[in-house]
Amino acid sequence: MAKREWRLTGDFDRVLEALSDGVLNGSLSASFEDGSDYSSGEVRCAVRVFERYSVFGGNRVSMNLTLVGRGEELFLSAITAGGSQAAFFKMNTVGEESFLDTLVQVIRELGLDTGEW
């Protein structure tokens, strides 16, 4: 498992779309698995789950994005899982880290990074 979190600034819908597009365009095997949206007053939350094939690990890796926002104040949590080759403990997390790096690159390219939390 790999995890990164950020505080971002921007329009919730535009950021969510850019992150989703960036993840899907970052790998030929990336796919959108499912998502969920919730809002209460000014607070919005979107959860997106993606998968892709990890050549290095020879298996599928998933990434969960959770974007929470109030106005232009946003919080993003990204957690990857899968990709380990061992039965009882993690031996190889290269695929998870690589999938997460795809998202990091999207955030940098969009100029959204106001610092990891």
N, C-alpha and C. Protein backbone atom coordinates (compact mmCIF):
# COMPACT_ATOMS: atom_id res chain seq x y z
N MET A 1 0.84 -1.17 0.00
CA MET A 1 0.00 0.00 0.00
C MET A 1 0.89 1.24 0.00
N ALA A 2 0.48 2.22 -0.78
CA ALA A 2 1.14 3.52 -0.79
C ALA A 2 0.06 4.58 -0.62
N LYS A 3 0.39 5.66 0.07
CA LYS A 3 -0.60 6.69 0.35
C LYS A 3 0.05 8.06 0.28
N ARG A 4 -0.66 9.02 -0.33
CA ARG A 4 -0.23 10.42 -0.33
C ARG A 4 -1.47 11.28 -0.17
N GLU A 5 -1.30 12.43 0.47
CA GLU A 5 -2.41 13.34 0.68
C GLU A 5 -1.96 14.77 0.44
N TRP A 6 -2.88 15.59 -0.09
CA TRP A 6 -2.57 16.97 -0.42
C TRP A 6 -3.70 17.90 -0.03
N ARG A 7 -3.33 19.14 0.21
CA ARG A 7 -4.28 20.24 0.27
C ARG A 7 -4.15 20.93 -1.08
N LEU A 8 -5.29 21.13 -1.76
CA LEU A 8 -5.30 21.73 -3.08
C LEU A 8 -6.23 22.93 -3.08
N THR A 9 -6.10 23.74 -4.10
CA THR A 9 -6.99 24.88 -4.29
C THR A 9 -7.51 24.83 -5.71
N GLY A 10 -8.83 24.97 -5.87
CA GLY A 10 -9.38 24.99 -7.22
C GLY A 10 -10.85 24.65 -7.23
N ASP A 11 -11.41 24.63 -8.43
CA ASP A 11 -12.81 24.28 -8.62
C ASP A 11 -12.97 22.77 -8.49
N PHE A 12 -13.84 22.33 -7.60
CA PHE A 12 -14.01 20.90 -7.28
C PHE A 12 -14.23 20.05 -8.53
N ASP A 13 -15.20 20.44 -9.36
CA ASP A 13 -15.53 19.64 -10.54
C ASP A 13 -14.38 19.59 -11.54
N ARG A 14 -13.74 20.71 -11.77
CA ARG A 14 -12.61 20.74 -12.72
C ARG A 14 -11.44 19.93 -12.22
N VAL A 15 -11.14 20.03 -10.94
CA VAL A 15 -10.03 19.26 -10.37
C VAL A 15 -10.34 17.77 -10.45
N LEU A 16 -11.55 17.38 -10.07
CA LEU A 16 -11.92 15.97 -10.12
C LEU A 16 -11.81 15.42 -11.53
N GLU A 17 -12.31 16.16 -12.50
CA GLU A 17 -12.23 15.72 -13.90
C GLU A 17 -10.78 15.61 -14.36
N ALA A 18 -9.96 16.60 -14.02
CA ALA A 18 -8.55 16.58 -14.43
C ALA A 18 -7.80 15.42 -13.80
N LEU A 19 -8.07 15.15 -12.53
CA LEU A 19 -7.41 14.02 -11.86
C LEU A 19 -7.83 12.69 -12.50
N SER A 20 -9.13 12.53 -12.74
CA SER A 20 -9.63 11.30 -13.35
C SER A 20 -9.05 11.11 -14.75
N ASP A 21 -9.09 12.16 -15.56
CA ASP A 21 -8.54 12.07 -16.91
C ASP A 21 -7.05 11.76 -16.88
N GLY A 22 -6.33 12.40 -15.97
CA GLY A 22 -4.90 12.18 -15.87
C GLY A 22 -4.54 10.76 -15.50
N VAL A 23 -5.30 10.18 -14.58
CA VAL A 23 -5.05 8.78 -14.18
C VAL A 23 -5.35 7.85 -15.34
N LEU A 24 -6.48 8.06 -16.00
CA LEU A 24 -6.87 7.18 -17.11
C LEU A 24 -5.94 7.32 -18.31
N ASN A 25 -5.44 8.52 -18.56
CA ASN A 25 -4.53 8.73 -19.69
C ASN A 25 -3.08 8.39 -19.35
N GLY A 26 -2.81 8.12 -18.09
CA GLY A 26 -1.45 7.84 -17.65
C GLY A 26 -0.99 6.42 -17.91
N SER A 27 -1.91 5.55 -18.30
CA SER A 27 -1.57 4.16 -18.55
C SER A 27 -2.58 3.55 -19.52
N LEU A 28 -2.09 2.77 -20.46
CA LEU A 28 -2.99 2.12 -21.42
C LEU A 28 -3.95 1.16 -20.76
N SER A 29 -3.53 0.56 -19.64
CA SER A 29 -4.39 -0.43 -18.99
C SER A 29 -5.23 0.14 -17.86
N ALA A 30 -5.15 1.45 -17.62
CA ALA A 30 -5.92 2.06 -16.52
C ALA A 30 -7.41 2.05 -16.85
N SER A 31 -8.21 1.75 -15.84
CA SER A 31 -9.66 1.73 -16.01
C SER A 31 -10.34 2.33 -14.79
N PHE A 32 -11.49 2.93 -15.02
CA PHE A 32 -12.34 3.44 -13.94
C PHE A 32 -13.21 2.28 -13.48
N GLU A 33 -13.17 1.97 -12.19
CA GLU A 33 -13.93 0.84 -11.67
C GLU A 33 -15.27 1.27 -11.09
N ASP A 34 -15.27 2.30 -10.26
CA ASP A 34 -16.52 2.79 -9.68
C ASP A 34 -16.26 4.09 -8.94
N GLY A 35 -17.33 4.76 -8.56
CA GLY A 35 -17.20 6.01 -7.84
C GLY A 35 -18.44 6.31 -7.03
N SER A 36 -18.31 7.29 -6.15
CA SER A 36 -19.42 7.70 -5.31
C SER A 36 -19.28 9.20 -5.04
N ASP A 37 -20.41 9.89 -5.00
CA ASP A 37 -20.42 11.33 -4.73
C ASP A 37 -21.38 11.63 -3.60
N TYR A 38 -20.99 12.59 -2.76
CA TYR A 38 -21.82 12.99 -1.62
C TYR A 38 -21.64 14.49 -1.42
N SER A 39 -22.73 15.16 -1.03
CA SER A 39 -22.63 16.57 -0.66
C SER A 39 -23.57 16.86 0.50
N SER A 40 -23.15 17.81 1.33
CA SER A 40 -23.95 18.26 2.45
C SER A 40 -23.64 19.73 2.64
N GLY A 41 -24.59 20.56 2.30
CA GLY A 41 -24.34 21.99 2.38
C GLY A 41 -23.23 22.37 1.42
N GLU A 42 -22.21 23.02 1.92
CA GLU A 42 -21.08 23.45 1.10
C GLU A 42 -20.02 22.38 0.91
N VAL A 43 -20.11 21.28 1.63
CA VAL A 43 -19.08 20.25 1.60
C VAL A 43 -19.44 19.18 0.56
N ARG A 44 -18.44 18.85 -0.27
CA ARG A 44 -18.60 17.81 -1.28
C ARG A 44 -17.52 16.75 -1.11
N CYS A 45 -17.87 15.53 -1.47
CA CYS A 45 -16.91 14.43 -1.39
C CYS A 45 -17.11 13.53 -2.61
N ALA A 46 -16.02 13.19 -3.27
CA ALA A 46 -16.06 12.28 -4.41
C ALA A 46 -15.02 11.18 -4.18
N VAL A 47 -15.44 9.95 -4.37
CA VAL A 47 -14.54 8.79 -4.26
C VAL A 47 -14.48 8.16 -5.63
N ARG A 48 -13.26 7.88 -6.11
CA ARG A 48 -13.06 7.22 -7.39
C ARG A 48 -12.08 6.07 -7.20
N VAL A 49 -12.39 4.94 -7.83
CA VAL A 49 -11.52 3.77 -7.75
C VAL A 49 -11.07 3.42 -9.18
N PHE A 50 -9.76 3.33 -9.35
CA PHE A 50 -9.15 3.00 -10.63
C PHE A 50 -8.32 1.72 -10.47
N GLU A 51 -8.11 1.04 -11.60
CA GLU A 51 -7.21 -0.11 -11.62
C GLU A 51 -6.32 0.00 -12.84
N ARG A 52 -5.17 -0.65 -12.76
CA ARG A 52 -4.31 -0.79 -13.94
C ARG A 52 -3.45 -2.03 -13.77
N TYR A 53 -2.93 -2.49 -14.88
CA TYR A 53 -2.05 -3.65 -14.87
C TYR A 53 -0.63 -3.18 -14.57
N SER A 54 0.04 -3.87 -13.66
CA SER A 54 1.43 -3.58 -13.32
C SER A 54 2.32 -4.62 -14.00
N VAL A 55 3.05 -4.19 -15.01
CA VAL A 55 3.93 -5.10 -15.73
C VAL A 55 5.00 -5.65 -14.79
N PHE A 56 5.53 -4.79 -13.95
CA PHE A 56 6.60 -5.20 -13.03
C PHE A 56 6.13 -6.30 -12.09
N GLY A 57 4.93 -6.15 -11.56
CA GLY A 57 4.41 -7.14 -10.62
C GLY A 57 3.62 -8.26 -11.28
N GLY A 58 3.23 -8.04 -12.54
CA GLY A 58 2.45 -9.05 -13.24
C GLY A 58 1.05 -9.22 -12.68
N ASN A 59 0.47 -8.12 -12.18
CA ASN A 59 -0.87 -8.20 -11.58
C ASN A 59 -1.56 -6.84 -11.68
N ARG A 60 -2.77 -6.75 -11.15
CA ARG A 60 -3.52 -5.50 -11.17
C ARG A 60 -3.30 -4.74 -9.86
N VAL A 61 -3.29 -3.43 -9.99
CA VAL A 61 -3.11 -2.53 -8.85
C VAL A 61 -4.30 -1.57 -8.84
N SER A 62 -4.84 -1.28 -7.67
CA SER A 62 -5.96 -0.33 -7.58
C SER A 62 -5.51 0.96 -6.91
N MET A 63 -6.21 2.05 -7.24
CA MET A 63 -5.96 3.34 -6.59
C MET A 63 -7.32 3.96 -6.26
N ASN A 64 -7.46 4.35 -5.00
CA ASN A 64 -8.66 5.00 -4.51
C ASN A 64 -8.35 6.48 -4.33
N LEU A 65 -9.12 7.35 -4.98
CA LEU A 65 -9.00 8.80 -4.79
C LEU A 65 -10.20 9.29 -4.02
N THR A 66 -9.95 10.06 -2.98
CA THR A 66 -11.04 10.71 -2.25
C THR A 66 -10.76 12.20 -2.27
N LEU A 67 -11.67 12.95 -2.88
CA LEU A 67 -11.55 14.41 -2.96
C LEU A 67 -12.66 15.02 -2.13
N VAL A 68 -12.29 15.84 -1.15
CA VAL A 68 -13.25 16.54 -0.29
C VAL A 68 -13.05 18.03 -0.51
N GLY A 69 -14.15 18.76 -0.64
CA GLY A 69 -14.01 20.18 -0.88
C GLY A 69 -15.09 21.01 -0.24
N ARG A 70 -14.70 22.23 0.10
CA ARG A 70 -15.62 23.27 0.55
C ARG A 70 -15.18 24.54 -0.16
N GLY A 71 -15.98 24.97 -1.11
CA GLY A 71 -15.55 26.07 -1.96
C GLY A 71 -14.33 25.63 -2.76
N GLU A 72 -13.30 26.46 -2.78
CA GLU A 72 -12.07 26.11 -3.51
C GLU A 72 -11.02 25.45 -2.61
N GLU A 73 -11.37 25.24 -1.36
CA GLU A 73 -10.47 24.55 -0.43
C GLU A 73 -10.71 23.05 -0.57
N LEU A 74 -9.68 22.33 -1.05
CA LEU A 74 -9.81 20.91 -1.35
C LEU A 74 -8.80 20.08 -0.58
N PHE A 75 -9.18 18.84 -0.32
CA PHE A 75 -8.28 17.86 0.29
C PHE A 75 -8.37 16.59 -0.54
N LEU A 76 -7.22 16.05 -0.93
CA LEU A 76 -7.17 14.84 -1.74
C LEU A 76 -6.37 13.77 -1.02
N SER A 77 -6.94 12.58 -0.94
CA SER A 77 -6.25 11.41 -0.40
C SER A 77 -6.21 10.36 -1.49
N ALA A 78 -5.03 9.80 -1.75
CA ALA A 78 -4.87 8.75 -2.76
C ALA A 78 -4.18 7.56 -2.11
N ILE A 79 -4.81 6.40 -2.23
CA ILE A 79 -4.28 5.17 -1.63
C ILE A 79 -4.28 4.09 -2.69
N THR A 80 -3.13 3.44 -2.86
CA THR A 80 -3.02 2.33 -3.79
C THR A 80 -2.94 1.02 -3.02
N ALA A 81 -3.36 -0.06 -3.67
CA ALA A 81 -3.31 -1.39 -3.05
C ALA A 81 -3.20 -2.44 -4.14
N GLY A 82 -2.70 -3.60 -3.75
CA GLY A 82 -2.50 -4.68 -4.71
C GLY A 82 -1.06 -4.67 -5.17
N GLY A 83 -0.74 -5.52 -6.05
CA GLY A 83 0.60 -5.51 -6.62
C GLY A 83 1.63 -6.32 -5.87
N SER A 84 1.33 -6.73 -4.66
CA SER A 84 2.29 -7.52 -3.90
C SER A 84 2.32 -8.94 -4.45
N GLN A 85 3.52 -9.54 -4.43
CA GLN A 85 3.67 -10.88 -4.98
C GLN A 85 3.72 -11.97 -3.92
N ALA A 86 3.71 -11.61 -2.67
CA ALA A 86 3.82 -12.60 -1.59
C ALA A 86 2.43 -12.98 -1.07
N ALA A 87 2.34 -14.15 -0.46
CA ALA A 87 1.05 -14.62 0.05
C ALA A 87 0.71 -14.04 1.42
N PHE A 88 1.71 -13.83 2.28
CA PHE A 88 1.42 -13.42 3.66
C PHE A 88 2.01 -12.07 4.05
N PHE A 89 2.86 -11.48 3.21
CA PHE A 89 3.43 -10.17 3.51
C PHE A 89 3.79 -9.50 2.20
N LYS A 90 4.02 -8.20 2.25
CA LYS A 90 4.32 -7.43 1.04
C LYS A 90 5.80 -7.54 0.68
N MET A 91 6.06 -7.99 -0.53
CA MET A 91 7.43 -8.08 -1.02
C MET A 91 7.73 -7.02 -2.08
N ASN A 92 6.71 -6.58 -2.80
CA ASN A 92 6.93 -5.73 -3.94
C ASN A 92 5.81 -4.70 -4.02
N THR A 93 6.15 -3.45 -3.81
CA THR A 93 5.14 -2.40 -3.91
C THR A 93 5.47 -1.43 -5.05
N VAL A 94 6.33 -1.84 -5.97
CA VAL A 94 6.74 -0.98 -7.07
C VAL A 94 5.54 -0.56 -7.91
N GLY A 95 4.64 -1.50 -8.21
CA GLY A 95 3.45 -1.18 -9.01
C GLY A 95 2.56 -0.16 -8.33
N GLU A 96 2.42 -0.28 -7.02
CA GLU A 96 1.59 0.67 -6.26
C GLU A 96 2.20 2.07 -6.29
N GLU A 97 3.50 2.14 -6.04
CA GLU A 97 4.20 3.44 -6.05
C GLU A 97 4.14 4.07 -7.43
N SER A 98 4.31 3.27 -8.47
CA SER A 98 4.29 3.77 -9.84
C SER A 98 2.92 4.33 -10.20
N PHE A 99 1.85 3.64 -9.80
CA PHE A 99 0.49 4.12 -10.07
C PHE A 99 0.26 5.45 -9.36
N LEU A 100 0.70 5.55 -8.14
CA LEU A 100 0.56 6.79 -7.37
C LEU A 100 1.37 7.92 -8.01
N ASP A 101 2.54 7.60 -8.55
CA ASP A 101 3.36 8.62 -9.21
C ASP A 101 2.66 9.23 -10.41
N THR A 102 1.79 8.46 -11.07
CA THR A 102 0.99 8.99 -12.17
C THR A 102 0.13 10.15 -11.69
N LEU A 103 -0.49 9.99 -10.54
CA LEU A 103 -1.33 11.05 -9.96
C LEU A 103 -0.48 12.24 -9.53
N VAL A 104 0.66 11.99 -8.93
CA VAL A 104 1.56 13.07 -8.50
C VAL A 104 1.93 13.94 -9.69
N GLN A 105 2.23 13.32 -10.82
CA GLN A 105 2.60 14.05 -12.03
C GLN A 105 1.43 14.92 -12.52
N VAL A 106 0.22 14.40 -12.47
CA VAL A 106 -0.96 15.17 -12.89
C VAL A 106 -1.12 16.40 -12.01
N ILE A 107 -0.99 16.23 -10.71
CA ILE A 107 -1.13 17.35 -9.78
C ILE A 107 -0.09 18.42 -10.05
N ARG A 108 1.14 18.00 -10.31
CA ARG A 108 2.22 18.97 -10.62
C ARG A 108 1.95 19.69 -11.93
N GLU A 109 1.55 18.96 -12.96
CA GLU A 109 1.29 19.56 -14.26
C GLU A 109 0.16 20.57 -14.21
N LEU A 110 -0.83 20.33 -13.38
CA LEU A 110 -1.96 21.25 -13.24
C LEU A 110 -1.64 22.44 -12.35
N GLY A 111 -0.50 22.39 -11.68
CA GLY A 111 -0.12 23.47 -10.78
C GLY A 111 -1.01 23.54 -9.54
N LEU A 112 -1.55 22.40 -9.13
CA LEU A 112 -2.47 22.35 -8.01
C LEU A 112 -1.79 22.11 -6.67
N ASP A 113 -0.56 21.68 -6.70
CA ASP A 113 0.09 21.24 -5.47
C ASP A 113 0.40 22.41 -4.55
N THR A 114 -0.29 22.46 -3.42
CA THR A 114 0.00 23.47 -2.41
C THR A 114 0.71 22.84 -1.23
N GLY A 115 1.18 21.62 -1.44
CA GLY A 115 1.93 20.92 -0.39
C GLY A 115 1.22 19.69 0.09
N GLU A 116 2.01 18.65 0.30
CA GLU A 116 1.43 17.43 0.86
C GLU A 116 1.09 17.67 2.31
N TRP A 117 0.07 16.96 2.74
CA TRP A 117 -0.42 17.15 4.10
C TRP A 117 0.16 16.12 5.01
